[in-house]
């Protein structure tokens, strides 16, 4: 008797076909050592804040060298994330522009590319912050042990009344425990006394970058809650982070500091509202995949504690600026799927997913949205590609790092190939695919190829 609700396939025809044909040798492992890709902790400026779904600066470096991008040209990253492309461009003294829909990512990227700060003044301020914060935290101790603050919520109300509900929700959902959060708030209060805004932003980013290691949040790469940390060495984490950031600034050169970098908050599907036509020489990015990752959830700690998202309505505002790629960020009013009616491969993927939902007796609201997410994703990317075609200079190039997906009922979505077909229809003159590496999914044994999709206007 068949299983009443088969959960997933035990095989993938696309994966088997790729194996039979033989994967080409990936760039990672052939030209770039595997260890280098994952060693973000030692990468100056990049490690000030790194997004778990981000990519290696080695990808950006590879594209810059392969395309021989000149120092007088201009690079765009329209899905900026934590700023990997523009930080690497600045380190190689190439002008760049970054755009992202997430307020916190825009903030982080601006700070990560502001290298013209006085390190002596930073060190003086750093010592004062740590000294004062340590004194305040010590007052909370009783017989050497951190006591539980009974009036914790009341203290939050005094600090930032409008954030009370969101902060309490972080506690209730176990994102972060009370003691570490209180230490974070103590440091945050100290930062309010810094009069110079650029220096205040510098120390604020350092604080937000230690939120995840001080919290209960874990990534694998999906969002989750790990072992509960009732307490955390927040001050020590902050001390080490600020020290490393100041040391990085001391290695920057005058040319790097003077290299222009622009960062904008905006919607990549509306590039022409922010950029002039024919104003970009090269684009280097890793766009969202149709992988059901809800990107605001991955940065909720940072958004709430920084005050950049004080309500669910403000988080919805961020999602509205994003290309749809998750069941948690697609809405009834979304209609970009109408853009992909001319692409039968995508339509067939959507139909296949719908059939699988029925076969598996999928009853959850999320399952019923799977095919809609795929349609909205490719519809949104189609609109983005049309905008990109306008802002690129004649013969300008674009390099996407984008992976295949099995996120929706194990239907293999060859993302890069489908994006290439859309780009061809829009009018890009040529495209090619390079295998960056083969990633193994965390939920099954199949490899998911990650490609560099190269386009030329």
Protein backbone atom coordinates (compact mmCIF):
# COMPACT_ATOMS: atom_id res chain seq x y z
CA UNK A 1 0.00 0.00 0.00
CA UNK A 2 1.52 3.36 -1.00
CA UNK A 3 2.36 5.91 1.65
CA UNK A 4 -0.72 8.15 2.11
CA UNK A 5 1.42 11.26 1.93
CA UNK A 6 4.75 10.85 0.13
CA UNK A 7 6.93 13.61 1.49
CA UNK A 8 9.38 13.98 -1.37
CA UNK A 9 11.10 12.19 -4.22
CA UNK A 10 13.92 9.76 -3.61
CA UNK A 11 15.49 10.76 -6.92
CA UNK A 12 15.85 13.79 -9.18
CA UNK A 13 15.83 13.29 -12.95
CA UNK A 14 17.66 16.58 -13.56
CA UNK A 15 20.39 15.67 -11.07
CA UNK A 16 20.77 12.22 -12.61
CA UNK A 17 21.00 13.73 -16.09
CA UNK A 18 23.67 16.19 -14.96
CA UNK A 19 25.65 13.36 -13.41
CA UNK A 20 25.39 11.23 -16.56
CA UNK A 21 26.61 14.08 -18.75
CA UNK A 22 29.38 14.78 -16.24
CA UNK A 23 29.65 18.02 -14.33
CA UNK A 24 32.32 20.35 -15.70
CA UNK A 25 35.16 21.02 -13.30
CA UNK A 26 34.03 23.76 -10.90
CA UNK A 27 36.04 26.93 -10.44
CA UNK A 28 36.14 26.36 -6.69
CA UNK A 29 38.62 23.57 -6.09
CA UNK A 30 40.23 24.03 -9.51
CA UNK A 31 41.29 27.68 -9.67
CA UNK A 32 40.29 28.79 -6.18
CA UNK A 33 41.01 26.69 -3.05
CA UNK A 34 37.89 25.48 -1.25
CA UNK A 35 39.25 26.70 2.11
CA UNK A 36 39.54 30.25 0.78
CA UNK A 37 35.82 30.44 0.01
CA UNK A 38 34.77 29.84 3.60
CA UNK A 39 37.45 31.87 5.35
CA UNK A 40 35.48 35.10 5.66
CA UNK A 41 36.69 35.66 9.23
CA UNK A 42 40.15 36.64 8.01
CA UNK A 43 38.93 38.91 5.19
CA UNK A 44 39.48 42.55 6.14
CA UNK A 45 36.38 44.78 6.13
CA UNK A 46 34.21 41.92 4.83
CA UNK A 47 34.14 40.40 8.31
CA UNK A 48 32.78 43.56 9.94
CA UNK A 49 29.37 42.09 9.25
CA UNK A 50 28.68 38.98 7.17
CA UNK A 51 25.29 37.66 6.12
CA UNK A 52 24.93 33.89 6.41
CA UNK A 53 23.39 33.67 2.92
CA UNK A 54 26.14 35.85 1.49
CA UNK A 55 28.92 34.83 -0.86
CA UNK A 56 32.69 34.84 -0.85
CA UNK A 57 34.72 37.89 -1.94
CA UNK A 58 36.67 35.38 -4.03
CA UNK A 59 33.74 35.34 -6.47
CA UNK A 60 33.97 39.11 -6.95
CA UNK A 61 37.76 38.96 -7.30
CA UNK A 62 37.45 36.17 -9.89
CA UNK A 63 35.02 38.21 -12.02
CA UNK A 64 37.08 41.41 -11.76
CA UNK A 65 40.21 39.60 -12.93
CA UNK A 66 38.52 37.57 -15.67
CA UNK A 67 36.75 40.59 -17.16
CA UNK A 68 39.82 42.79 -16.60
CA UNK A 69 37.67 45.49 -15.03
CA UNK A 70 39.52 48.80 -15.14
CA UNK A 71 39.97 51.29 -12.29
CA UNK A 72 37.94 53.92 -14.18
CA UNK A 73 34.94 51.66 -14.68
CA UNK A 74 31.91 51.34 -12.43
CA UNK A 75 30.54 48.18 -10.82
CA UNK A 76 26.93 47.72 -9.69
CA UNK A 77 25.55 45.28 -7.15
CA UNK A 78 21.72 45.59 -7.20
CA UNK A 79 21.25 42.87 -4.54
CA UNK A 80 23.80 44.28 -2.17
CA UNK A 81 23.30 42.17 0.93
CA UNK A 82 26.15 42.74 3.38
CA UNK A 83 28.21 44.57 0.75
CA UNK A 84 30.65 41.89 -0.45
CA UNK A 85 30.85 43.23 -4.02
CA UNK A 86 31.36 46.89 -3.16
CA UNK A 87 33.81 46.16 -0.33
CA UNK A 88 35.92 44.04 -2.68
CA UNK A 89 35.64 46.69 -5.41
CA UNK A 90 36.83 49.38 -2.98
CA UNK A 91 39.75 47.23 -1.85
CA UNK A 92 40.78 47.05 -5.54
CA UNK A 93 40.14 50.82 -5.99
CA UNK A 94 37.26 50.36 -8.44
CA UNK A 95 34.22 52.68 -8.08
CA UNK A 96 30.97 50.91 -7.24
CA UNK A 97 27.28 51.31 -6.53
CA UNK A 98 25.19 49.10 -4.27
CA UNK A 99 21.41 48.85 -3.86
CA UNK A 100 19.43 46.80 -1.36
CA UNK A 101 15.84 46.58 -0.14
CA UNK A 102 16.79 45.93 3.50
CA UNK A 103 17.45 49.05 5.59
CA UNK A 104 19.92 47.25 7.83
CA UNK A 105 21.94 45.86 4.91
CA UNK A 106 22.19 49.35 3.44
CA UNK A 107 23.41 50.68 6.80
CA UNK A 108 25.97 47.86 7.19
CA UNK A 109 27.30 48.33 3.66
CA UNK A 110 27.70 52.09 4.11
CA UNK A 111 29.71 51.59 7.29
CA UNK A 112 31.81 48.80 5.77
CA UNK A 113 32.89 51.10 2.92
CA UNK A 114 33.63 54.19 5.03
CA UNK A 115 37.36 53.78 5.65
CA UNK A 116 38.26 57.42 6.18
CA UNK A 117 37.97 57.48 9.98
CA UNK A 118 40.56 58.58 12.54
CA UNK A 119 41.71 55.37 14.21
CA UNK A 120 43.21 57.19 17.22
CA UNK A 121 39.87 58.82 18.00
CA UNK A 122 38.12 55.49 17.47
CA UNK A 123 40.42 53.77 19.96
CA UNK A 124 39.82 56.49 22.56
CA UNK A 125 36.04 56.20 22.19
CA UNK A 126 36.27 52.40 22.20
CA UNK A 127 37.99 52.34 25.59
CA UNK A 128 35.38 54.67 27.10
CA UNK A 129 32.47 52.57 25.76
CA UNK A 130 33.89 49.33 27.14
CA UNK A 131 34.87 50.85 30.48
CA UNK A 132 31.49 52.48 31.09
CA UNK A 133 29.54 49.44 29.90
CA UNK A 134 31.53 47.15 32.18
CA UNK A 135 30.73 49.37 35.18
CA UNK A 136 26.99 49.29 34.43
CA UNK A 137 26.97 45.54 33.94
CA UNK A 138 28.89 45.04 37.19
CA UNK A 139 26.09 46.84 39.08
CA UNK A 140 23.71 44.14 37.88
CA UNK A 141 25.78 41.42 39.54
CA UNK A 142 25.15 39.95 42.94
CA UNK A 143 27.91 37.90 44.56
CA UNK A 144 29.61 37.63 41.20
CA UNK A 145 26.55 36.21 39.44
CA UNK A 146 24.33 38.01 36.94
CA UNK A 147 20.94 38.44 38.59
CA UNK A 148 17.65 38.17 36.73
CA UNK A 149 16.15 41.60 36.14
CA UNK A 150 12.53 41.47 37.33
CA UNK A 151 11.72 44.82 35.82
CA UNK A 152 13.42 44.03 32.50
CA UNK A 153 10.45 45.03 30.36
CA UNK A 154 10.05 48.29 32.27
CA UNK A 155 13.67 49.16 31.51
CA UNK A 156 13.06 48.57 27.81
CA UNK A 157 10.05 50.89 27.95
CA UNK A 158 12.19 53.63 29.40
CA UNK A 159 14.91 53.09 26.79
CA UNK A 160 12.75 52.93 23.64
CA UNK A 161 8.97 52.81 24.20
CA UNK A 162 7.96 52.13 20.60
CA UNK A 163 10.30 49.13 20.41
CA UNK A 164 8.87 47.41 23.47
CA UNK A 165 6.55 45.03 21.60
CA UNK A 166 9.17 43.95 19.07
CA UNK A 167 11.89 43.46 21.72
CA UNK A 168 9.55 41.44 23.92
CA UNK A 169 8.69 39.31 20.89
CA UNK A 170 12.38 38.54 20.37
CA UNK A 171 12.52 37.23 23.95
CA UNK A 172 9.29 35.25 23.68
CA UNK A 173 10.41 33.62 20.44
CA UNK A 174 13.76 32.80 22.07
CA UNK A 175 15.81 34.76 19.53
CA UNK A 176 17.89 36.15 22.37
CA UNK A 177 17.82 35.70 26.15
CA UNK A 178 17.22 38.50 28.64
CA UNK A 179 20.72 38.82 30.05
CA UNK A 180 22.57 39.13 26.72
CA UNK A 181 19.93 41.53 25.41
CA UNK A 182 20.25 43.74 28.46
CA UNK A 183 24.02 43.92 27.98
CA UNK A 184 23.47 44.88 24.35
CA UNK A 185 21.10 47.65 25.43
CA UNK A 186 23.66 48.95 27.94
CA UNK A 187 26.27 49.27 25.18
CA UNK A 188 23.68 50.83 22.88
CA UNK A 189 22.94 53.48 25.52
CA UNK A 190 26.66 54.31 25.69
CA UNK A 191 26.75 54.86 21.94
CA UNK A 192 24.12 57.60 22.23
CA UNK A 193 26.77 59.92 23.69
CA UNK A 194 28.90 59.81 20.53
CA UNK A 195 28.37 63.11 18.71
CA UNK A 196 30.11 62.24 15.43
CA UNK A 197 27.57 60.29 13.36
CA UNK A 198 30.11 58.34 11.30
CA UNK A 199 31.89 57.14 14.42
CA UNK A 200 28.60 56.32 16.09
CA UNK A 201 27.63 54.23 13.05
CA UNK A 202 30.99 52.45 13.18
CA UNK A 203 30.51 51.38 16.79
CA UNK A 204 26.84 50.57 16.20
CA UNK A 205 27.68 48.16 13.38
CA UNK A 206 30.21 46.47 15.65
CA UNK A 207 27.43 45.94 18.20
CA UNK A 208 24.91 44.62 15.66
CA UNK A 209 27.52 42.25 14.22
CA UNK A 210 27.85 40.40 17.54
CA UNK A 211 24.10 39.94 18.05
CA UNK A 212 23.96 36.50 16.44
CA UNK A 213 26.91 34.99 18.37
CA UNK A 214 25.43 36.43 21.58
CA UNK A 215 21.95 35.10 20.77
CA UNK A 216 20.18 31.76 20.37
CA UNK A 217 19.85 32.16 16.61
CA UNK A 218 21.59 29.68 14.33
CA UNK A 219 21.85 29.26 10.58
CA UNK A 220 22.35 26.10 8.61
CA UNK A 221 21.87 28.01 6.19
CA UNK A 222 18.18 28.29 7.03
CA UNK A 223 17.06 30.27 10.05
CA UNK A 224 16.59 28.42 13.34
CA UNK A 225 16.85 28.59 17.12
CA UNK A 226 19.75 26.69 18.65
CA UNK A 227 20.69 25.88 22.25
CA UNK A 228 19.48 28.58 24.63
CA UNK A 229 22.24 30.83 25.96
CA UNK A 230 20.97 32.26 29.21
CA UNK A 231 23.99 34.52 29.29
CA UNK A 232 26.75 35.54 26.89
CA UNK A 233 30.08 37.38 27.09
CA UNK A 234 28.73 40.37 25.17
CA UNK A 235 31.42 42.80 26.29
CA UNK A 236 34.23 40.45 25.29
CA UNK A 237 32.65 39.87 21.88
CA UNK A 238 32.31 43.62 21.42
CA UNK A 239 35.87 44.30 22.57
CA UNK A 240 37.31 41.84 20.03
CA UNK A 241 35.08 43.03 17.18
CA UNK A 242 35.88 46.74 17.62
CA UNK A 243 39.60 45.99 17.95
CA UNK A 244 39.59 44.03 14.69
CA UNK A 245 37.63 46.73 12.85
CA UNK A 246 40.06 49.46 13.92
CA UNK A 247 43.02 47.30 12.90
CA UNK A 248 41.47 46.83 9.46
CA UNK A 249 41.18 50.60 8.98
CA UNK A 250 44.89 50.98 9.70
CA UNK A 251 45.67 48.78 6.68
CA UNK A 252 43.63 50.85 4.22
CA UNK A 253 45.49 53.02 1.72
CA UNK A 254 44.78 56.58 0.61
CA UNK A 255 43.69 55.34 -2.84
CA UNK A 256 41.24 52.90 -1.30
CA UNK A 257 39.80 55.56 0.99
CA UNK A 258 39.26 57.91 -1.95
CA UNK A 259 37.61 55.30 -4.18
CA UNK A 260 33.95 56.36 -4.52
CA UNK A 261 31.26 53.98 -3.26
CA UNK A 262 27.54 54.76 -3.40
CA UNK A 263 24.89 52.85 -1.46
CA UNK A 264 21.13 53.22 -1.92
CA UNK A 265 18.01 51.82 -0.31
CA UNK A 266 15.69 50.72 -3.08
CA UNK A 267 14.02 48.11 -5.25
CA UNK A 268 16.23 46.40 -7.84
CA UNK A 269 13.20 46.09 -10.13
CA UNK A 270 13.24 49.90 -10.42
CA UNK A 271 16.91 50.58 -11.19
CA UNK A 272 16.16 53.41 -13.61
CA UNK A 273 14.63 55.43 -10.77
CA UNK A 274 18.07 55.48 -9.10
CA UNK A 275 20.58 55.17 -11.94
CA UNK A 276 21.04 56.85 -15.31
CA UNK A 277 20.81 54.83 -18.49
CA UNK A 278 24.14 53.49 -19.81
CA UNK A 279 25.85 54.46 -16.54
CA UNK A 280 27.14 51.06 -15.36
CA UNK A 281 30.07 49.17 -16.92
CA UNK A 282 29.75 45.88 -15.04
CA UNK A 283 27.34 44.24 -12.66
CA UNK A 284 28.48 41.63 -10.10
CA UNK A 285 25.88 40.15 -7.77
CA UNK A 286 24.28 37.12 -6.22
CA UNK A 287 20.52 37.59 -6.46
CA UNK A 288 18.01 35.75 -4.27
CA UNK A 289 17.32 32.16 -5.33
CA UNK A 290 13.84 30.57 -5.45
CA UNK A 291 14.86 28.74 -2.26
CA UNK A 292 12.15 29.85 0.20
CA UNK A 293 14.52 31.93 2.35
CA UNK A 294 12.77 34.82 4.08
CA UNK A 295 15.57 37.38 4.18
CA UNK A 296 14.08 39.80 6.72
CA UNK A 297 13.79 36.92 9.20
CA UNK A 298 17.53 36.34 8.88
CA UNK A 299 18.18 39.92 9.99
CA UNK A 300 15.31 40.42 12.41
CA UNK A 301 17.58 40.75 15.45
CA UNK A 302 19.54 43.50 13.74
CA UNK A 303 16.48 45.28 12.34
CA UNK A 304 14.62 45.38 15.66
CA UNK A 305 17.50 46.20 18.00
CA UNK A 306 18.80 48.90 15.64
CA UNK A 307 15.31 50.40 15.47
CA UNK A 308 15.19 50.13 11.68
CA UNK A 309 12.04 48.00 11.82
CA UNK A 310 9.83 49.04 14.73
CA UNK A 311 6.76 47.10 13.64
CA UNK A 312 5.52 44.30 11.41
CA UNK A 313 4.24 46.99 9.04
CA UNK A 314 7.79 48.33 8.57
CA UNK A 315 9.08 44.79 7.96
CA UNK A 316 6.32 44.40 5.34
CA UNK A 317 7.66 47.58 3.73
CA UNK A 318 11.08 45.95 3.35
CA UNK A 319 9.54 42.80 1.87
CA UNK A 320 7.60 44.88 -0.65
CA UNK A 321 10.90 46.16 -2.08
CA UNK A 322 12.22 42.61 -2.55
CA UNK A 323 12.00 40.15 -5.41
CA UNK A 324 9.65 37.45 -4.14
CA UNK A 325 11.39 34.18 -3.25
CA UNK A 326 9.67 32.96 -0.08
CA UNK A 327 6.20 31.85 0.97
CA UNK A 328 6.53 34.29 3.87
CA UNK A 329 6.94 37.28 1.58
CA UNK A 330 4.45 36.71 -1.21
CA UNK A 331 1.07 38.45 -1.16
CA UNK A 332 -2.33 38.15 -2.84
CA UNK A 333 -1.82 41.45 -4.65
CA UNK A 334 1.46 40.32 -6.27
CA UNK A 335 1.07 39.94 -10.04
CA UNK A 336 4.56 39.81 -11.54
CA UNK A 337 4.03 36.18 -12.59
CA UNK A 338 2.20 37.58 -15.63
CA UNK A 339 5.64 38.49 -17.00
CA UNK A 340 6.62 34.83 -17.48
CA UNK A 341 3.67 33.61 -19.57
CA UNK A 342 5.99 33.53 -22.60
CA UNK A 343 8.34 31.06 -20.89
CA UNK A 344 6.78 27.55 -21.06
CA UNK A 345 9.58 25.98 -18.98
CA UNK A 346 8.66 28.12 -16.00
CA UNK A 347 4.95 27.51 -16.46
CA UNK A 348 5.60 23.76 -16.51
CA UNK A 349 7.64 23.99 -13.28
CA UNK A 350 4.73 25.75 -11.59
CA UNK A 351 2.27 23.11 -12.82
CA UNK A 352 4.58 20.32 -11.67
CA UNK A 353 4.80 21.81 -8.19
CA UNK A 354 1.01 22.13 -8.00
CA UNK A 355 0.67 18.47 -8.96
CA UNK A 356 3.15 17.46 -6.28
CA UNK A 357 1.23 19.44 -3.65
CA UNK A 358 -1.89 17.48 -4.56
CA UNK A 359 -0.02 14.13 -4.65
CA UNK A 360 1.38 14.72 -1.16
CA UNK A 361 -1.94 15.94 0.22
CA UNK A 362 -0.40 19.31 0.91
CA UNK A 363 -2.85 21.24 3.01
CA UNK A 364 -0.80 24.00 4.59
CA UNK A 365 -1.16 27.55 3.36
CA UNK A 366 2.56 27.67 2.61
CA UNK A 367 2.45 24.59 0.33
CA UNK A 368 -0.37 26.10 -1.68
CA UNK A 369 1.82 29.15 -2.32
CA UNK A 370 4.81 27.23 -3.71
CA UNK A 371 4.00 27.65 -7.40
CA UNK A 372 3.00 31.28 -6.88
CA UNK A 373 6.39 32.02 -5.33
CA UNK A 374 8.15 30.53 -8.36
CA UNK A 375 6.03 32.60 -10.74
CA UNK A 376 6.52 35.81 -8.76
CA UNK A 377 10.25 35.17 -8.43
CA UNK A 378 10.88 34.81 -12.15
CA UNK A 379 8.43 37.60 -12.93
CA UNK A 380 10.32 39.91 -10.59
CA UNK A 381 13.68 38.88 -12.02
CA UNK A 382 12.36 39.48 -15.53
CA UNK A 383 11.49 43.06 -14.59
CA UNK A 384 14.90 43.46 -12.98
CA UNK A 385 16.70 42.19 -16.09
CA UNK A 386 14.80 44.69 -18.25
CA UNK A 387 15.91 47.52 -15.93
CA UNK A 388 19.49 46.21 -15.86
CA UNK A 389 19.59 46.23 -19.65
CA UNK A 390 18.87 49.95 -19.57
CA UNK A 391 21.44 51.01 -16.98
CA UNK A 392 24.31 48.95 -18.43
CA UNK A 393 26.59 50.68 -20.92
CA UNK A 394 26.75 49.30 -24.48
CA UNK A 395 28.75 46.04 -24.30
CA UNK A 396 28.44 46.16 -20.51
CA UNK A 397 28.55 42.85 -18.67
CA UNK A 398 26.70 41.20 -15.80
CA UNK A 399 27.84 38.29 -13.61
CA UNK A 400 25.29 36.50 -11.42
CA UNK A 401 26.24 33.88 -8.84
CA UNK A 402 23.05 31.83 -8.70
CA UNK A 403 22.24 28.28 -7.71
CA UNK A 404 19.71 25.63 -8.63
CA UNK A 405 16.92 24.88 -6.16
CA UNK A 406 14.95 21.92 -4.79
CA UNK A 407 13.00 24.02 -2.29
CA UNK A 408 9.48 23.37 -3.57
CA UNK A 409 8.39 19.71 -3.45
CA UNK A 410 11.83 18.66 -4.73
CA UNK A 411 11.20 20.08 -8.19
CA UNK A 412 14.64 20.87 -9.60
CA UNK A 413 14.71 24.51 -10.72
CA UNK A 414 17.66 25.34 -12.96
CA UNK A 415 17.68 28.99 -11.97
CA UNK A 416 20.70 30.23 -13.93
CA UNK A 417 19.54 28.62 -17.19
CA UNK A 418 16.06 30.07 -16.85
CA UNK A 419 17.42 33.54 -16.09
CA UNK A 420 19.65 33.22 -19.16
CA UNK A 421 16.64 32.45 -21.35
CA UNK A 422 14.81 35.50 -20.02
CA UNK A 423 17.87 37.71 -20.61
CA UNK A 424 18.09 36.46 -24.19
CA UNK A 425 14.44 37.34 -24.78
CA UNK A 426 14.95 40.81 -23.30
CA UNK A 427 17.79 41.55 -25.69
CA UNK A 428 21.12 40.73 -24.07
CA UNK A 429 23.51 39.82 -26.86
CA UNK A 430 25.10 36.74 -25.32
CA UNK A 431 25.40 34.59 -22.22
CA UNK A 432 27.44 31.70 -20.86
CA UNK A 433 27.47 29.60 -17.70
CA UNK A 434 30.45 28.67 -15.55
CA UNK A 435 30.13 26.12 -12.76
CA UNK A 436 31.25 27.87 -9.59
CA UNK A 437 30.85 24.81 -7.36
CA UNK A 438 28.49 21.99 -6.44
CA UNK A 439 26.74 22.63 -3.15
CA UNK A 440 25.17 19.76 -1.26
CA UNK A 441 21.73 20.53 0.11
CA UNK A 442 21.35 20.41 3.88
CA UNK A 443 17.99 18.61 3.55
CA UNK A 444 18.88 15.84 1.06
CA UNK A 445 21.84 14.16 -0.65
CA UNK A 446 21.55 15.82 -4.04
CA UNK A 447 24.11 18.32 -5.30
CA UNK A 448 22.85 21.76 -6.26
CA UNK A 449 25.09 23.37 -8.87
CA UNK A 450 25.88 27.04 -8.33
CA UNK A 451 26.74 28.83 -11.54
CA UNK A 452 28.14 32.13 -12.68
CA UNK A 453 25.74 33.41 -15.30
CA UNK A 454 27.60 35.88 -17.55
CA UNK A 455 25.57 38.29 -19.68
CA UNK A 456 26.67 40.88 -22.22
CA UNK A 457 24.49 43.79 -23.31
